[in-house]
N, C-alpha and C. Protein backbone atom coordinates (compact mmCIF):
# COMPACT_ATOMS: atom_id res chain seq x y z
N MET A 1 13.71 -66.83 -128.14
CA MET A 1 13.04 -65.77 -129.40
C MET A 1 12.94 -66.13 -130.52
N LYS A 2 14.01 -66.87 -130.98
CA LYS A 2 14.34 -66.95 -132.27
C LYS A 2 13.34 -68.26 -132.80
N SER A 3 13.11 -69.07 -131.90
CA SER A 3 11.80 -69.93 -132.43
C SER A 3 10.49 -69.23 -132.44
N ALA A 4 10.15 -68.30 -131.58
CA ALA A 4 8.76 -67.52 -131.33
C ALA A 4 8.89 -66.96 -132.89
N ALA A 5 9.79 -66.35 -133.34
CA ALA A 5 9.91 -65.60 -134.31
C ALA A 5 9.63 -66.31 -135.89
N LEU A 6 10.37 -67.58 -135.86
CA LEU A 6 10.08 -68.48 -136.81
C LEU A 6 8.43 -69.08 -136.60
N LEU A 7 7.98 -69.26 -135.71
CA LEU A 7 6.77 -69.78 -135.41
C LEU A 7 5.79 -68.81 -136.28
N VAL A 8 6.03 -67.34 -135.75
CA VAL A 8 4.93 -66.32 -136.67
C VAL A 8 5.11 -66.44 -138.06
N LEU A 9 6.22 -66.08 -138.34
CA LEU A 9 6.62 -66.59 -139.98
C LEU A 9 5.62 -67.42 -140.51
N ALA A 10 6.10 -68.71 -139.79
CA ALA A 10 5.20 -70.06 -140.13
C ALA A 10 3.73 -69.83 -140.40
N LEU A 11 3.22 -68.91 -139.33
CA LEU A 11 1.55 -69.09 -139.14
C LEU A 11 1.39 -67.97 -140.30
N VAL A 12 2.13 -66.95 -140.38
CA VAL A 12 1.66 -65.92 -141.47
C VAL A 12 1.79 -66.51 -142.96
N LEU A 13 2.91 -67.38 -143.21
CA LEU A 13 2.71 -68.35 -144.60
C LEU A 13 1.40 -69.18 -144.51
N LEU A 14 1.28 -69.74 -143.59
CA LEU A 14 0.48 -70.92 -143.40
C LEU A 14 -1.10 -70.24 -143.66
N ARG A 15 -1.27 -69.20 -143.04
CA ARG A 15 -2.39 -68.14 -143.55
C ARG A 15 -2.96 -67.45 -144.62
N SER A 16 -1.88 -67.64 -145.33
CA SER A 16 -2.05 -67.03 -147.01
C SER A 16 -2.24 -68.16 -147.90
N SER A 17 -1.92 -69.51 -147.13
CA SER A 17 -2.40 -70.61 -148.38
C SER A 17 -3.22 -72.16 -147.25
N PRO A 18 -4.01 -71.57 -146.53
CA PRO A 18 -4.90 -72.64 -145.95
C PRO A 18 -4.83 -73.76 -146.47
N SER A 19 -4.36 -75.10 -145.83
CA SER A 19 -4.74 -76.06 -146.43
C SER A 19 -3.86 -76.61 -147.80
N GLN A 20 -2.65 -76.22 -147.80
CA GLN A 20 -2.12 -76.22 -149.15
C GLN A 20 -3.10 -75.59 -150.34
N GLY A 21 -3.63 -74.14 -150.16
CA GLY A 21 -3.76 -73.47 -151.07
C GLY A 21 -5.86 -73.98 -151.49
N GLY A 22 -6.18 -74.81 -150.46
CA GLY A 22 -7.56 -75.28 -150.92
C GLY A 22 -8.58 -75.08 -149.46
N GLU A 23 -9.40 -74.93 -149.63
CA GLU A 23 -10.28 -75.01 -148.52
C GLU A 23 -10.15 -75.88 -147.66
N LEU A 24 -10.75 -75.72 -146.36
CA LEU A 24 -10.54 -76.79 -145.36
C LEU A 24 -11.81 -77.77 -145.34
N SER A 25 -11.46 -79.05 -145.27
CA SER A 25 -12.33 -80.17 -145.77
C SER A 25 -13.04 -80.21 -144.31
N PRO A 26 -14.15 -80.65 -144.61
CA PRO A 26 -15.25 -80.76 -143.10
C PRO A 26 -14.54 -81.52 -141.92
N VAL A 27 -13.79 -82.81 -142.30
CA VAL A 27 -12.96 -83.23 -140.93
C VAL A 27 -12.15 -82.21 -140.72
N GLN A 28 -11.20 -81.40 -141.33
CA GLN A 28 -10.39 -80.38 -140.72
C GLN A 28 -11.23 -79.19 -139.90
N ILE A 29 -12.35 -79.00 -140.62
CA ILE A 29 -12.88 -77.58 -139.77
C ILE A 29 -13.70 -78.34 -138.15
N LYS A 30 -13.80 -79.57 -138.45
CA LYS A 30 -14.49 -80.01 -137.32
C LYS A 30 -13.15 -80.28 -136.17
N ASP A 31 -12.11 -80.76 -136.64
CA ASP A 31 -10.91 -81.09 -135.59
C ASP A 31 -10.81 -79.57 -135.20
N ALA A 32 -10.15 -78.35 -136.16
CA ALA A 32 -9.77 -77.42 -135.94
C ALA A 32 -10.66 -76.44 -134.70
N ARG A 33 -12.21 -76.91 -135.26
CA ARG A 33 -12.92 -76.23 -134.07
C ARG A 33 -12.75 -76.97 -132.58
N LYS A 34 -12.60 -78.20 -132.55
CA LYS A 34 -12.32 -78.65 -131.55
C LYS A 34 -10.53 -78.17 -130.83
N LEU A 35 -9.96 -78.02 -131.53
CA LEU A 35 -8.70 -77.32 -131.00
C LEU A 35 -9.36 -75.94 -130.29
N TYR A 36 -9.83 -75.34 -131.22
CA TYR A 36 -10.12 -73.78 -130.86
C TYR A 36 -10.64 -73.84 -129.77
N VAL A 37 -11.98 -74.35 -129.25
CA VAL A 37 -12.64 -74.47 -128.21
C VAL A 37 -11.75 -75.04 -126.96
N GLY A 38 -11.40 -76.22 -127.60
CA GLY A 38 -10.43 -77.08 -126.28
C GLY A 38 -9.25 -76.67 -125.88
N LYS A 39 -8.46 -76.14 -126.97
CA LYS A 39 -7.27 -75.47 -126.29
C LYS A 39 -7.31 -74.03 -125.62
N CYS A 40 -7.93 -73.19 -126.93
CA CYS A 40 -8.31 -71.78 -126.57
C CYS A 40 -9.10 -71.46 -125.20
N ALA A 41 -10.22 -71.94 -125.32
CA ALA A 41 -11.23 -71.44 -124.68
C ALA A 41 -11.30 -71.74 -123.03
N LYS A 42 -10.07 -73.25 -122.98
CA LYS A 42 -9.90 -73.79 -121.68
C LYS A 42 -9.42 -72.88 -120.90
N CYS A 43 -8.42 -71.91 -121.26
CA CYS A 43 -7.85 -71.05 -120.48
C CYS A 43 -8.37 -69.48 -120.48
N HIS A 44 -9.40 -69.13 -121.29
CA HIS A 44 -10.01 -67.64 -121.25
C HIS A 44 -11.11 -67.86 -122.26
N LYS A 45 -11.26 -66.53 -122.78
CA LYS A 45 -12.91 -66.44 -123.82
C LYS A 45 -11.82 -66.66 -124.94
N LEU A 46 -12.58 -66.73 -126.07
CA LEU A 46 -12.28 -66.79 -127.47
C LEU A 46 -12.40 -65.48 -128.06
N HIS A 47 -11.21 -65.04 -128.34
CA HIS A 47 -11.01 -63.60 -129.03
C HIS A 47 -11.55 -63.66 -130.67
N ASP A 48 -11.73 -62.31 -130.71
CA ASP A 48 -12.34 -62.19 -132.09
C ASP A 48 -11.16 -61.78 -132.83
N PRO A 49 -10.26 -62.46 -133.77
CA PRO A 49 -9.01 -62.21 -134.29
C PRO A 49 -9.36 -60.92 -135.21
N ALA A 50 -10.41 -60.45 -135.86
CA ALA A 50 -10.73 -59.36 -136.46
C ALA A 50 -10.37 -58.12 -135.75
N GLY A 51 -10.40 -58.37 -134.41
CA GLY A 51 -10.49 -56.98 -133.62
C GLY A 51 -8.78 -56.82 -133.30
N TYR A 52 -7.86 -57.60 -134.01
CA TYR A 52 -6.62 -57.27 -133.84
C TYR A 52 -5.77 -56.99 -135.19
N ALA A 53 -4.83 -56.21 -135.12
CA ALA A 53 -3.89 -56.10 -136.23
C ALA A 53 -3.41 -57.63 -136.31
N GLU A 54 -3.07 -57.84 -137.77
CA GLU A 54 -2.25 -58.83 -138.21
C GLU A 54 -1.27 -59.09 -137.08
N GLU A 55 -0.40 -58.28 -137.11
CA GLU A 55 1.11 -58.57 -136.66
C GLU A 55 0.98 -58.64 -135.35
N LYS A 56 -0.12 -58.34 -134.36
CA LYS A 56 -0.26 -58.45 -133.17
C LYS A 56 -0.98 -60.09 -133.03
N TRP A 57 -2.02 -60.30 -133.55
CA TRP A 57 -2.61 -61.29 -133.54
C TRP A 57 -1.53 -62.59 -133.83
N ASP A 58 -0.74 -62.13 -134.82
CA ASP A 58 0.33 -63.14 -135.05
C ASP A 58 1.32 -63.82 -133.73
N GLU A 59 1.34 -62.35 -133.50
CA GLU A 59 2.49 -62.40 -131.73
C GLU A 59 1.73 -63.11 -131.07
N TRP A 60 0.61 -62.97 -130.41
CA TRP A 60 -0.31 -63.80 -129.52
C TRP A 60 -0.51 -65.60 -129.99
N MET A 61 -0.56 -65.47 -130.87
CA MET A 61 -0.62 -67.06 -131.74
C MET A 61 0.62 -67.70 -131.34
N ALA A 62 1.71 -66.91 -131.58
CA ALA A 62 2.97 -67.51 -131.35
C ALA A 62 3.16 -68.08 -129.83
N LYS A 63 2.61 -67.02 -128.98
CA LYS A 63 2.59 -67.27 -127.33
C LYS A 63 2.06 -68.34 -127.15
N MET A 64 0.41 -68.41 -127.85
CA MET A 64 -0.19 -69.20 -127.02
C MET A 64 -0.05 -70.75 -127.79
N THR A 65 0.40 -70.76 -129.01
CA THR A 65 0.90 -71.99 -129.50
C THR A 65 1.98 -72.94 -128.33
N LYS A 66 2.83 -72.18 -128.12
CA LYS A 66 3.97 -72.18 -127.16
C LYS A 66 3.09 -72.87 -125.95
N LYS A 67 2.44 -71.91 -125.58
CA LYS A 67 2.04 -72.18 -124.26
C LYS A 67 0.87 -73.40 -124.04
N SER A 68 0.05 -73.42 -125.00
CA SER A 68 -0.86 -74.77 -124.90
C SER A 68 -0.10 -75.68 -125.72
N LYS A 69 1.05 -75.97 -125.82
CA LYS A 69 2.02 -77.05 -126.29
C LYS A 69 1.40 -77.43 -127.67
N LEU A 70 0.84 -76.89 -128.72
CA LEU A 70 0.29 -77.46 -130.00
C LEU A 70 1.30 -78.07 -130.91
N LYS A 71 0.95 -79.01 -131.45
CA LYS A 71 2.29 -79.55 -132.42
C LYS A 71 2.02 -78.83 -133.61
N PRO A 72 3.15 -78.73 -134.38
CA PRO A 72 3.11 -77.94 -135.64
C PRO A 72 2.23 -77.95 -136.52
N GLU A 73 1.53 -79.55 -136.62
CA GLU A 73 0.36 -79.55 -137.58
C GLU A 73 -1.14 -78.85 -136.95
N GLN A 74 -1.11 -79.15 -135.66
CA GLN A 74 -1.93 -78.39 -135.17
C GLN A 74 -1.92 -77.16 -134.94
N ALA A 75 -1.02 -76.48 -135.03
CA ALA A 75 -0.78 -75.00 -135.12
C ALA A 75 -1.22 -74.69 -136.29
N GLU A 76 -0.85 -75.34 -137.43
CA GLU A 76 -0.88 -75.06 -139.13
C GLU A 76 -2.78 -74.83 -139.08
N LEU A 77 -3.35 -76.12 -138.60
CA LEU A 77 -4.76 -76.16 -139.21
C LEU A 77 -5.46 -75.29 -138.21
N LEU A 78 -4.92 -74.85 -137.07
CA LEU A 78 -6.02 -73.81 -136.16
C LEU A 78 -5.50 -72.43 -136.87
N ALA A 79 -4.47 -72.08 -137.32
CA ALA A 79 -4.45 -71.13 -138.31
C ALA A 79 -5.04 -70.72 -139.60
N SER A 80 -5.11 -72.11 -140.28
CA SER A 80 -6.04 -71.92 -141.22
C SER A 80 -7.24 -71.99 -141.05
N TYR A 81 -7.89 -72.51 -139.77
CA TYR A 81 -9.25 -72.28 -139.59
C TYR A 81 -9.41 -70.86 -139.25
N ILE A 82 -8.81 -70.39 -138.41
CA ILE A 82 -8.96 -69.02 -137.87
C ILE A 82 -8.98 -67.91 -138.91
N ALA A 83 -7.81 -67.98 -140.38
CA ALA A 83 -7.91 -67.39 -141.19
C ALA A 83 -9.09 -67.72 -141.94
N ALA A 84 -9.59 -68.63 -141.93
CA ALA A 84 -11.03 -68.90 -143.02
C ALA A 84 -12.58 -68.36 -142.53
N GLY A 85 -12.14 -68.19 -141.05
CA GLY A 85 -12.69 -67.44 -139.96
C GLY A 85 -13.20 -65.83 -140.69
N LYS A 86 -11.91 -65.40 -140.32
CA LYS A 86 -11.74 -64.19 -140.56
C LYS A 86 -12.03 -63.34 -141.87
N ALA A 87 -11.91 -64.61 -142.86
CA ALA A 87 -12.12 -64.04 -144.11
C ALA A 87 -13.67 -64.44 -144.37
N GLY A 88 -14.30 -64.82 -143.32
CA GLY A 88 -15.91 -65.11 -143.80
C GLY A 88 -16.59 -66.39 -144.40
N LYS A 89 -15.44 -67.65 -144.44
CA LYS A 89 -15.54 -68.67 -144.91
C LYS A 89 -16.25 -69.35 -144.08
N LEU A 90 -16.33 -69.39 -142.78
CA LEU A 90 -17.09 -70.46 -141.87
C LEU A 90 -17.08 -69.07 -140.66
N GLN A 91 -17.99 -69.88 -139.96
CA GLN A 91 -18.10 -69.04 -138.38
C GLN A 91 -17.66 -69.67 -137.08
N LEU A 92 -16.76 -68.89 -136.77
CA LEU A 92 -15.84 -68.94 -135.37
C LEU A 92 -16.80 -69.15 -134.25
N PRO A 93 -16.59 -70.15 -133.26
CA PRO A 93 -17.27 -70.07 -132.25
C PRO A 93 -16.73 -68.57 -131.47
N LYS A 94 -17.80 -68.30 -130.67
CA LYS A 94 -17.84 -67.04 -129.62
C LYS A 94 -17.86 -67.72 -128.26
């Protein structure tokens, strides 16, 4: 349980500063989209993160990160990608 709480905290911190405070590069966007579609949509439909309260979304991200066995750098990239989509900086797949 402690590791899940730490992961949620890391995701919150990462969302506040995607890609070390900058925008995602085209390569990062491509890689993150591949993760989003390949890991998330492999098991369930893609959910709209805007439809969830931040706290609830972070809980799900922590659970799904562990379940899908994402590496920390993959989780960071995916969190930044989803945050950029929520902020309207890019279009998330549906």
